[in-house]
């Protein structure tokens, strides 16, 4: 089963600023996923992101660790108040 963490963002009144911050966060998340090797996110999806990002995780044992990494990055990018994480399991 493929696992994903979906990050939904609730945009504030300054939508364009929030979207810019989300994309900067996404680029940082992309780098962390690439270096980690257990999770992945498409840079094309990051470039198109407005209110959602999806991170694919290769192992069920890495879901918690990946979620913690995402939460740390959200705090660093001052997005933790705009973001909500959820986990999805998909049949392959």
PDB file of N, CA and C in Angstrom:
ATOM      1  N   UNK A   1       0.829  -1.180   0.000  1.00  0.00           N
ATOM      2  CA  UNK A   1       0.000   0.000   0.000  1.00  0.00           C
ATOM      3  C   UNK A   1       0.877   1.249   0.000  1.00  0.00           C
ATOM      4  N   UNK A   2       0.575   2.162  -0.878  1.00  0.00           N
ATOM      5  CA  UNK A   2       1.290   3.440  -0.904  1.00  0.00           C
ATOM      6  C   UNK A   2       0.722   4.343   0.180  1.00  0.00           C
ATOM      7  N   UNK A   3       1.587   5.054   0.838  1.00  0.00           N
ATOM      8  CA  UNK A   3       1.151   5.953   1.904  1.00  0.00           C
ATOM      9  C   UNK A   3       1.497   7.380   1.535  1.00  0.00           C
ATOM     10  N   UNK A   4       0.607   8.266   1.892  1.00  0.00           N
ATOM     11  CA  UNK A   4       0.831   9.686   1.636  1.00  0.00           C
ATOM     12  C   UNK A   4       0.455  10.493   2.855  1.00  0.00           C
ATOM     13  N   UNK A   5       1.184  11.567   3.039  1.00  0.00           N
ATOM     14  CA  UNK A   5       0.780  12.586   3.991  1.00  0.00           C
ATOM     15  C   UNK A   5       0.318  13.763   3.156  1.00  0.00           C
ATOM     16  N   UNK A   6      -0.897  14.198   3.414  1.00  0.00           N
ATOM     17  CA  UNK A   6      -1.452  15.341   2.696  1.00  0.00           C
ATOM     18  C   UNK A   6      -1.401  16.538   3.632  1.00  0.00           C
ATOM     19  N   UNK A   7      -0.857  17.624   3.131  1.00  0.00           N
ATOM     20  CA  UNK A   7      -0.774  18.863   3.895  1.00  0.00           C
ATOM     21  C   UNK A   7      -1.752  19.842   3.261  1.00  0.00           C
ATOM     22  N   UNK A   8      -2.827  20.143   3.968  1.00  0.00           N
ATOM     23  CA  UNK A   8      -3.814  21.123   3.514  1.00  0.00           C
ATOM     24  C   UNK A   8      -3.547  22.449   4.207  1.00  0.00           C
ATOM     25  N   UNK A   9      -3.577  23.526   3.432  1.00  0.00           N
ATOM     26  CA  UNK A   9      -3.333  24.859   3.955  1.00  0.00           C
ATOM     27  C   UNK A   9      -4.614  25.684   3.882  1.00  0.00           C
ATOM     28  N   UNK A  10      -4.895  26.412   4.938  1.00  0.00           N
ATOM     29  CA  UNK A  10      -6.017  27.340   4.966  1.00  0.00           C
ATOM     30  C   UNK A  10      -5.440  28.728   4.729  1.00  0.00           C
ATOM     31  N   UNK A  11      -5.740  29.283   3.579  1.00  0.00           N
ATOM     32  CA  UNK A  11      -5.151  30.561   3.188  1.00  0.00           C
ATOM     33  C   UNK A  11      -5.849  31.716   3.892  1.00  0.00           C
ATOM     34  N   UNK A  12      -5.054  32.705   4.272  1.00  0.00           N
ATOM     35  CA  UNK A  12      -5.584  33.893   4.926  1.00  0.00           C
ATOM     36  C   UNK A  12      -5.968  34.953   3.912  1.00  0.00           C
ATOM     37  N   UNK A  13      -6.226  36.158   4.383  1.00  0.00           N
ATOM     38  CA  UNK A  13      -6.641  37.244   3.487  1.00  0.00           C
ATOM     39  C   UNK A  13      -5.555  37.640   2.480  1.00  0.00           C
ATOM     40  N   UNK A  14      -4.287  37.408   2.835  1.00  0.00           N
ATOM     41  CA  UNK A  14      -3.182  37.717   1.925  1.00  0.00           C
ATOM     42  C   UNK A  14      -2.770  36.445   1.184  1.00  0.00           C
ATOM     43  N   UNK A  15      -3.658  36.001   0.293  1.00  0.00           N
ATOM     44  CA  UNK A  15      -3.479  34.738  -0.432  1.00  0.00           C
ATOM     45  C   UNK A  15      -2.147  34.621  -1.145  1.00  0.00           C
ATOM     46  N   UNK A  16      -1.752  35.645  -1.870  1.00  0.00           N
ATOM     47  CA  UNK A  16      -0.528  35.542  -2.674  1.00  0.00           C
ATOM     48  C   UNK A  16       0.705  35.382  -1.791  1.00  0.00           C
ATOM     49  N   UNK A  17       0.727  36.051  -0.658  1.00  0.00           N
ATOM     50  CA  UNK A  17       1.844  35.896   0.277  1.00  0.00           C
ATOM     51  C   UNK A  17       1.856  34.488   0.864  1.00  0.00           C
ATOM     52  N   UNK A  18       0.691  33.975   1.233  1.00  0.00           N
ATOM     53  CA  UNK A  18       0.601  32.619   1.776  1.00  0.00           C
ATOM     54  C   UNK A  18       1.061  31.588   0.749  1.00  0.00           C
ATOM     55  N   UNK A  19       0.639  31.737  -0.493  1.00  0.00           N
ATOM     56  CA  UNK A  19       1.036  30.799  -1.551  1.00  0.00           C
ATOM     57  C   UNK A  19       2.541  30.848  -1.758  1.00  0.00           C
ATOM     58  N   UNK A  20       3.123  32.020  -1.737  1.00  0.00           N
ATOM     59  CA  UNK A  20       4.577  32.154  -1.867  1.00  0.00           C
ATOM     60  C   UNK A  20       5.284  31.421  -0.726  1.00  0.00           C
ATOM     61  N   UNK A  21       4.794  31.588   0.490  1.00  0.00           N
ATOM     62  CA  UNK A  21       5.380  30.907   1.655  1.00  0.00           C
ATOM     63  C   UNK A  21       5.210  29.397   1.552  1.00  0.00           C
ATOM     64  N   UNK A  22       4.057  28.940   1.050  1.00  0.00           N
ATOM     65  CA  UNK A  22       3.809  27.508   0.885  1.00  0.00           C
ATOM     66  C   UNK A  22       4.787  26.922  -0.127  1.00  0.00           C
ATOM     67  N   UNK A  23       5.029  27.625  -1.202  1.00  0.00           N
ATOM     68  CA  UNK A  23       5.969  27.128  -2.222  1.00  0.00           C
ATOM     69  C   UNK A  23       7.397  27.112  -1.698  1.00  0.00           C
ATOM     70  N   UNK A  24       7.780  28.111  -0.910  1.00  0.00           N
ATOM     71  CA  UNK A  24       9.117  28.089  -0.293  1.00  0.00           C
ATOM     72  C   UNK A  24       9.244  26.903   0.659  1.00  0.00           C
ATOM     73  N   UNK A  25       8.202  26.671   1.455  1.00  0.00           N
ATOM     74  CA  UNK A  25       8.168  25.510   2.341  1.00  0.00           C
ATOM     75  C   UNK A  25       8.279  24.224   1.515  1.00  0.00           C
ATOM     76  N   UNK A  26       7.535  24.147   0.411  1.00  0.00           N
ATOM     77  CA  UNK A  26       7.554  22.963  -0.446  1.00  0.00           C
ATOM     78  C   UNK A  26       8.928  22.667  -1.014  1.00  0.00           C
ATOM     79  N   UNK A  27       9.660  23.714  -1.392  1.00  0.00           N
ATOM     80  CA  UNK A  27      11.020  23.512  -1.907  1.00  0.00           C
ATOM     81  C   UNK A  27      11.939  22.962  -0.821  1.00  0.00           C
ATOM     82  N   UNK A  28      11.794  23.472   0.393  1.00  0.00           N
ATOM     83  CA  UNK A  28      12.580  22.970   1.517  1.00  0.00           C
ATOM     84  C   UNK A  28      12.194  21.522   1.819  1.00  0.00           C
ATOM     85  N   UNK A  29      10.897  21.231   1.792  1.00  0.00           N
ATOM     86  CA  UNK A  29      10.412  19.873   2.012  1.00  0.00           C
ATOM     87  C   UNK A  29      10.940  18.936   0.929  1.00  0.00           C
ATOM     88  N   UNK A  30      10.960  19.377  -0.309  1.00  0.00           N
ATOM     89  CA  UNK A  30      11.494  18.577  -1.419  1.00  0.00           C
ATOM     90  C   UNK A  30      12.945  18.192  -1.145  1.00  0.00           C
ATOM     91  N   UNK A  31      13.754  19.167  -0.715  1.00  0.00           N
ATOM     92  CA  UNK A  31      15.171  18.894  -0.418  1.00  0.00           C
ATOM     93  C   UNK A  31      15.307  17.862   0.710  1.00  0.00           C
ATOM     94  N   UNK A  32      14.511  18.008   1.756  1.00  0.00           N
ATOM     95  CA  UNK A  32      14.579  17.064   2.867  1.00  0.00           C
ATOM     96  C   UNK A  32      14.164  15.661   2.425  1.00  0.00           C
ATOM     97  N   UNK A  33      13.122  15.570   1.629  1.00  0.00           N
ATOM     98  CA  UNK A  33      12.667  14.261   1.134  1.00  0.00           C
ATOM     99  C   UNK A  33      13.717  13.624   0.235  1.00  0.00           C
ATOM    100  N   UNK A  34      14.310  14.409  -0.622  1.00  0.00           N
ATOM    101  CA  UNK A  34      15.338  13.896  -1.530  1.00  0.00           C
ATOM    102  C   UNK A  34      16.532  13.365  -0.747  1.00  0.00           C
ATOM    103  N   UNK A  35      16.944  14.091   0.287  1.00  0.00           N
ATOM    104  CA  UNK A  35      18.085  13.672   1.094  1.00  0.00           C
ATOM    105  C   UNK A  35      17.761  12.466   1.966  1.00  0.00           C
ATOM    106  N   UNK A  36      16.526  12.384   2.443  1.00  0.00           N
ATOM    107  CA  UNK A  36      16.091  11.287   3.310  1.00  0.00           C
ATOM    108  C   UNK A  36      15.975   9.978   2.531  1.00  0.00           C
ATOM    109  N   UNK A  37      15.367  10.035   1.365  1.00  0.00           N
ATOM    110  CA  UNK A  37      15.220   8.848   0.534  1.00  0.00           C
ATOM    111  C   UNK A  37      13.999   7.991   0.848  1.00  0.00           C
ATOM    112  N   UNK A  38      13.319   8.227   1.970  1.00  0.00           N
ATOM    113  CA  UNK A  38      12.151   7.434   2.341  1.00  0.00           C
ATOM    114  C   UNK A  38      10.847   8.098   1.946  1.00  0.00           C
ATOM    115  N   UNK A  39      10.919   9.359   1.579  1.00  0.00           N
ATOM    116  CA  UNK A  39       9.716  10.099   1.185  1.00  0.00           C
ATOM    117  C   UNK A  39      10.030  10.867  -0.088  1.00  0.00           C
ATOM    118  N   UNK A  40       8.979  11.232  -0.813  1.00  0.00           N
ATOM    119  CA  UNK A  40       9.197  11.996  -2.044  1.00  0.00           C
ATOM    120  C   UNK A  40       8.031  12.940  -2.292  1.00  0.00           C
ATOM    121  N   UNK A  41       8.352  14.020  -2.961  1.00  0.00           N
ATOM    122  CA  UNK A  41       7.355  14.989  -3.391  1.00  0.00           C
ATOM    123  C   UNK A  41       7.826  15.529  -4.734  1.00  0.00           C
ATOM    124  N   UNK A  42       6.914  15.728  -5.635  1.00  0.00           N
ATOM    125  CA  UNK A  42       7.251  16.217  -6.966  1.00  0.00           C
ATOM    126  C   UNK A  42       7.532  17.720  -6.913  1.00  0.00           C
ATOM    127  N   UNK A  43       8.655  18.124  -7.467  1.00  0.00           N
ATOM    128  CA  UNK A  43       8.982  19.554  -7.507  1.00  0.00           C
ATOM    129  C   UNK A  43       7.987  20.289  -8.395  1.00  0.00           C
ATOM    130  N   UNK A  44       7.433  19.616  -9.393  1.00  0.00           N
ATOM    131  CA  UNK A  44       6.405  20.234 -10.239  1.00  0.00           C
ATOM    132  C   UNK A  44       5.147  20.522  -9.424  1.00  0.00           C
ATOM    133  N   UNK A  45       4.789  19.596  -8.530  1.00  0.00           N
ATOM    134  CA  UNK A  45       3.640  19.835  -7.650  1.00  0.00           C
ATOM    135  C   UNK A  45       3.902  20.997  -6.707  1.00  0.00           C
ATOM    136  N   UNK A  46       5.132  21.107  -6.234  1.00  0.00           N
ATOM    137  CA  UNK A  46       5.506  22.222  -5.349  1.00  0.00           C
ATOM    138  C   UNK A  46       5.349  23.541  -6.099  1.00  0.00           C
ATOM    139  N   UNK A  47       5.803  23.583  -7.335  1.00  0.00           N
ATOM    140  CA  UNK A  47       5.738  24.815  -8.132  1.00  0.00           C
ATOM    141  C   UNK A  47       4.298  25.229  -8.440  1.00  0.00           C
ATOM    142  N   UNK A  48       3.371  24.263  -8.458  1.00  0.00           N
ATOM    143  CA  UNK A  48       1.959  24.554  -8.738  1.00  0.00           C
ATOM    144  C   UNK A  48       1.119  24.702  -7.475  1.00  0.00           C
ATOM    145  N   UNK A  49       1.712  24.467  -6.329  1.00  0.00           N
ATOM    146  CA  UNK A  49       0.950  24.400  -5.075  1.00  0.00           C
ATOM    147  C   UNK A  49       0.246  25.710  -4.750  1.00  0.00           C
ATOM    148  N   UNK A  50      -0.989  25.580  -4.288  1.00  0.00           N
ATOM    149  CA  UNK A  50      -1.721  26.732  -3.779  1.00  0.00           C
ATOM    150  C   UNK A  50      -2.215  26.443  -2.363  1.00  0.00           C
ATOM    151  N   UNK A  51      -2.904  25.308  -2.176  1.00  0.00           N
ATOM    152  CA  UNK A  51      -3.430  25.031  -0.844  1.00  0.00           C
ATOM    153  C   UNK A  51      -3.250  23.586  -0.397  1.00  0.00           C
ATOM    154  N   UNK A  52      -2.446  22.795  -1.145  1.00  0.00           N
ATOM    155  CA  UNK A  52      -2.238  21.409  -0.757  1.00  0.00           C
ATOM    156  C   UNK A  52      -0.920  20.883  -1.312  1.00  0.00           C
ATOM    157  N   UNK A  53      -0.247  20.059  -0.498  1.00  0.00           N
ATOM    158  CA  UNK A  53       0.934  19.322  -0.937  1.00  0.00           C
ATOM    159  C   UNK A  53       0.763  17.868  -0.510  1.00  0.00           C
ATOM    160  N   UNK A  54       1.281  16.939  -1.330  1.00  0.00           N
ATOM    161  CA  UNK A  54       1.202  15.507  -1.024  1.00  0.00           C
ATOM    162  C   UNK A  54       2.600  14.920  -0.997  1.00  0.00           C
ATOM    163  N   UNK A  55       2.910  14.234   0.089  1.00  0.00           N
ATOM    164  CA  UNK A  55       4.211  13.592   0.256  1.00  0.00           C
ATOM    165  C   UNK A  55       3.987  12.083   0.246  1.00  0.00           C
ATOM    166  N   UNK A  56       4.643  11.373  -0.660  1.00  0.00           N
ATOM    167  CA  UNK A  56       4.557   9.916  -0.727  1.00  0.00           C
ATOM    168  C   UNK A  56       5.648   9.322   0.152  1.00  0.00           C
ATOM    169  N   UNK A  57       5.276   8.256   0.874  1.00  0.00           N
ATOM    170  CA  UNK A  57       6.209   7.626   1.808  1.00  0.00           C
ATOM    171  C   UNK A  57       6.353   6.158   1.420  1.00  0.00           C
ATOM    172  N   UNK A  58       7.587   5.701   1.368  1.00  0.00           N
ATOM    173  CA  UNK A  58       7.860   4.357   0.879  1.00  0.00           C
ATOM    174  C   UNK A  58       7.606   3.262   1.917  1.00  0.00           C
ATOM    175  N   UNK A  59       7.676   3.573   3.188  1.00  0.00           N
ATOM    176  CA  UNK A  59       7.554   2.562   4.233  1.00  0.00           C
ATOM    177  C   UNK A  59       6.590   3.037   5.321  1.00  0.00           C
ATOM    178  N   UNK A  60       5.733   2.130   5.762  1.00  0.00           N
ATOM    179  CA  UNK A  60       4.779   2.469   6.825  1.00  0.00           C
ATOM    180  C   UNK A  60       5.501   2.875   8.101  1.00  0.00           C
ATOM    181  N   UNK A  61       6.674   2.308   8.314  1.00  0.00           N
ATOM    182  CA  UNK A  61       7.432   2.627   9.529  1.00  0.00           C
ATOM    183  C   UNK A  61       7.983   4.050   9.506  1.00  0.00           C
ATOM    184  N   UNK A  62       7.991   4.686   8.365  1.00  0.00           N
ATOM    185  CA  UNK A  62       8.547   6.039   8.247  1.00  0.00           C
ATOM    186  C   UNK A  62       7.481   7.140   8.284  1.00  0.00           C
ATOM    187  N   UNK A  63       6.224   6.783   8.387  1.00  0.00           N
ATOM    188  CA  UNK A  63       5.146   7.782   8.351  1.00  0.00           C
ATOM    189  C   UNK A  63       5.281   8.757   9.507  1.00  0.00           C
ATOM    190  N   UNK A  64       5.442   8.248  10.721  1.00  0.00           N
ATOM    191  CA  UNK A  64       5.557   9.126  11.903  1.00  0.00           C
ATOM    192  C   UNK A  64       6.780  10.034  11.806  1.00  0.00           C
ATOM    193  N   UNK A  65       7.890   9.461  11.434  1.00  0.00           N
ATOM    194  CA  UNK A  65       9.130  10.238  11.329  1.00  0.00           C
ATOM    195  C   UNK A  65       9.002  11.327  10.266  1.00  0.00           C
ATOM    196  N   UNK A  66       8.376  10.996   9.146  1.00  0.00           N
ATOM    197  CA  UNK A  66       8.178  11.978   8.082  1.00  0.00           C
ATOM    198  C   UNK A  66       7.220  13.078   8.532  1.00  0.00           C
ATOM    199  N   UNK A  67       6.159  12.709   9.233  1.00  0.00           N
ATOM    200  CA  UNK A  67       5.211  13.710   9.745  1.00  0.00           C
ATOM    201  C   UNK A  67       5.901  14.659  10.718  1.00  0.00           C
ATOM    202  N   UNK A  68       6.777  14.134  11.562  1.00  0.00           N
ATOM    203  CA  UNK A  68       7.521  14.984  12.504  1.00  0.00           C
ATOM    204  C   UNK A  68       8.432  15.957  11.758  1.00  0.00           C
ATOM    205  N   UNK A  69       9.089  15.477  10.704  1.00  0.00           N
ATOM    206  CA  UNK A  69       9.954  16.335   9.900  1.00  0.00           C
ATOM    207  C   UNK A  69       9.132  17.446   9.239  1.00  0.00           C
ATOM    208  N   UNK A  70       7.955  17.091   8.725  1.00  0.00           N
ATOM    209  CA  UNK A  70       7.081  18.079   8.094  1.00  0.00           C
ATOM    210  C   UNK A  70       6.648  19.127   9.113  1.00  0.00           C
ATOM    211  N   UNK A  71       6.270  18.677  10.289  1.00  0.00           N
ATOM    212  CA  UNK A  71       5.838  19.613  11.335  1.00  0.00           C
ATOM    213  C   UNK A  71       6.966  20.566  11.742  1.00  0.00           C
ATOM    214  N   UNK A  72       8.190  20.059  11.834  1.00  0.00           N
ATOM    215  CA  UNK A  72       9.341  20.927  12.141  1.00  0.00           C
ATOM    216  C   UNK A  72       9.528  21.988  11.063  1.00  0.00           C
ATOM    217  N   UNK A  73       9.415  21.567   9.806  1.00  0.00           N
ATOM    218  CA  UNK A  73       9.575  22.519   8.697  1.00  0.00           C
ATOM    219  C   UNK A  73       8.444  23.547   8.681  1.00  0.00           C
ATOM    220  N   UNK A  74       7.240  23.117   9.006  1.00  0.00           N
ATOM    221  CA  UNK A  74       6.117  24.060   9.060  1.00  0.00           C
ATOM    222  C   UNK A  74       6.378  25.143  10.102  1.00  0.00           C
ATOM    223  N   UNK A  75       6.920  24.759  11.247  1.00  0.00           N
ATOM    224  CA  UNK A  75       7.245  25.736  12.292  1.00  0.00           C
ATOM    225  C   UNK A  75       8.333  26.684  11.805  1.00  0.00           C
ATOM    226  N   UNK A  76       9.362  26.148  11.169  1.00  0.00           N
ATOM    227  CA  UNK A  76      10.458  26.978  10.662  1.00  0.00           C
ATOM    228  C   UNK A  76       9.971  27.992   9.636  1.00  0.00           C
ATOM    229  N   UNK A  77       8.960  27.627   8.856  1.00  0.00           N
ATOM    230  CA  UNK A  77       8.428  28.504   7.810  1.00  0.00           C
ATOM    231  C   UNK A  77       7.201  29.299   8.270  1.00  0.00           C
ATOM    232  N   UNK A  78       6.903  29.238   9.563  1.00  0.00           N
ATOM    233  CA  UNK A  78       5.777  29.975  10.156  1.00  0.00           C
ATOM    234  C   UNK A  78       4.449  29.630   9.484  1.00  0.00           C
ATOM    235  N   UNK A  79       4.278  28.337   9.188  1.00  0.00           N
ATOM    236  CA  UNK A  79       3.049  27.877   8.529  1.00  0.00           C
ATOM    237  C   UNK A  79       2.251  26.905   9.383  1.00  0.00           C
ATOM    238  N   UNK A  80       2.705  26.620  10.583  1.00  0.00           N
ATOM    239  CA  UNK A  80       2.026  25.600  11.389  1.00  0.00           C
ATOM    240  C   UNK A  80       0.584  25.982  11.716  1.00  0.00           C
ATOM    241  N   UNK A  81       0.293  27.290  11.790  1.00  0.00           N
ATOM    242  CA  UNK A  81      -1.084  27.716  12.076  1.00  0.00           C
ATOM    243  C   UNK A  81      -1.988  27.630  10.850  1.00  0.00           C
ATOM    244  N   UNK A  82      -1.413  27.477   9.645  1.00  0.00           N
ATOM    245  CA  UNK A  82      -2.206  27.396   8.412  1.00  0.00           C
ATOM    246  C   UNK A  82      -2.354  25.972   7.896  1.00  0.00           C
ATOM    247  N   UNK A  83      -1.602  25.019   8.477  1.00  0.00           N
ATOM    248  CA  UNK A  83      -1.516  23.677   7.900  1.00  0.00           C
ATOM    249  C   UNK A  83      -2.227  22.629   8.743  1.00  0.00           C
ATOM    250  N   UNK A  84      -2.751  21.626   8.030  1.00  0.00           N
ATOM    251  CA  UNK A  84      -3.357  20.466   8.665  1.00  0.00           C
ATOM    252  C   UNK A  84      -2.846  19.228   7.938  1.00  0.00           C
ATOM    253  N   UNK A  85      -2.285  18.284   8.681  1.00  0.00           N
ATOM    254  CA  UNK A  85      -1.746  17.059   8.102  1.00  0.00           C
ATOM    255  C   UNK A  85      -2.762  15.929   8.228  1.00  0.00           C
ATOM    256  N   UNK A  86      -2.813  15.097   7.199  1.00  0.00           N
ATOM    257  CA  UNK A  86      -3.623  13.880   7.260  1.00  0.00           C
ATOM    258  C   UNK A  86      -2.891  12.784   6.494  1.00  0.00           C
ATOM    259  N   UNK A  87      -3.146  11.543   6.876  1.00  0.00           N
ATOM    260  CA  UNK A  87      -2.486  10.399   6.255  1.00  0.00           C
ATOM    261  C   UNK A  87      -3.489   9.645   5.393  1.00  0.00           C
ATOM    262  N   UNK A  88      -3.033   9.210   4.222  1.00  0.00           N
ATOM    263  CA  UNK A  88      -3.886   8.457   3.305  1.00  0.00           C
ATOM    264  C   UNK A  88      -3.142   7.198   2.894  1.00  0.00           C
ATOM    265  N   UNK A  89      -3.824   6.058   2.927  1.00  0.00           N
ATOM    266  CA  UNK A  89      -3.270   4.808   2.420  1.00  0.00           C
ATOM    267  C   UNK A  89      -3.985   4.492   1.117  1.00  0.00           C
ATOM    268  N   UNK A  90      -3.203   4.225   0.075  1.00  0.00           N
ATOM    269  CA  UNK A  90      -3.788   3.952  -1.245  1.00  0.00           C
ATOM    270  C   UNK A  90      -3.375   2.574  -1.703  1.00  0.00           C
ATOM    271  N   UNK A  91      -4.283   1.875  -2.339  1.00  0.00           N
ATOM    272  CA  UNK A  91      -3.944   0.584  -2.943  1.00  0.00           C
ATOM    273  C   UNK A  91      -3.098   0.828  -4.172  1.00  0.00           C
ATOM    274  N   UNK A  92      -2.095  -0.020  -4.351  1.00  0.00           N
ATOM    275  CA  UNK A  92      -1.205   0.143  -5.509  1.00  0.00           C
ATOM    276  C   UNK A  92      -1.724  -0.597  -6.698  1.00  0.00           C
TER     277      UNK A  92
END
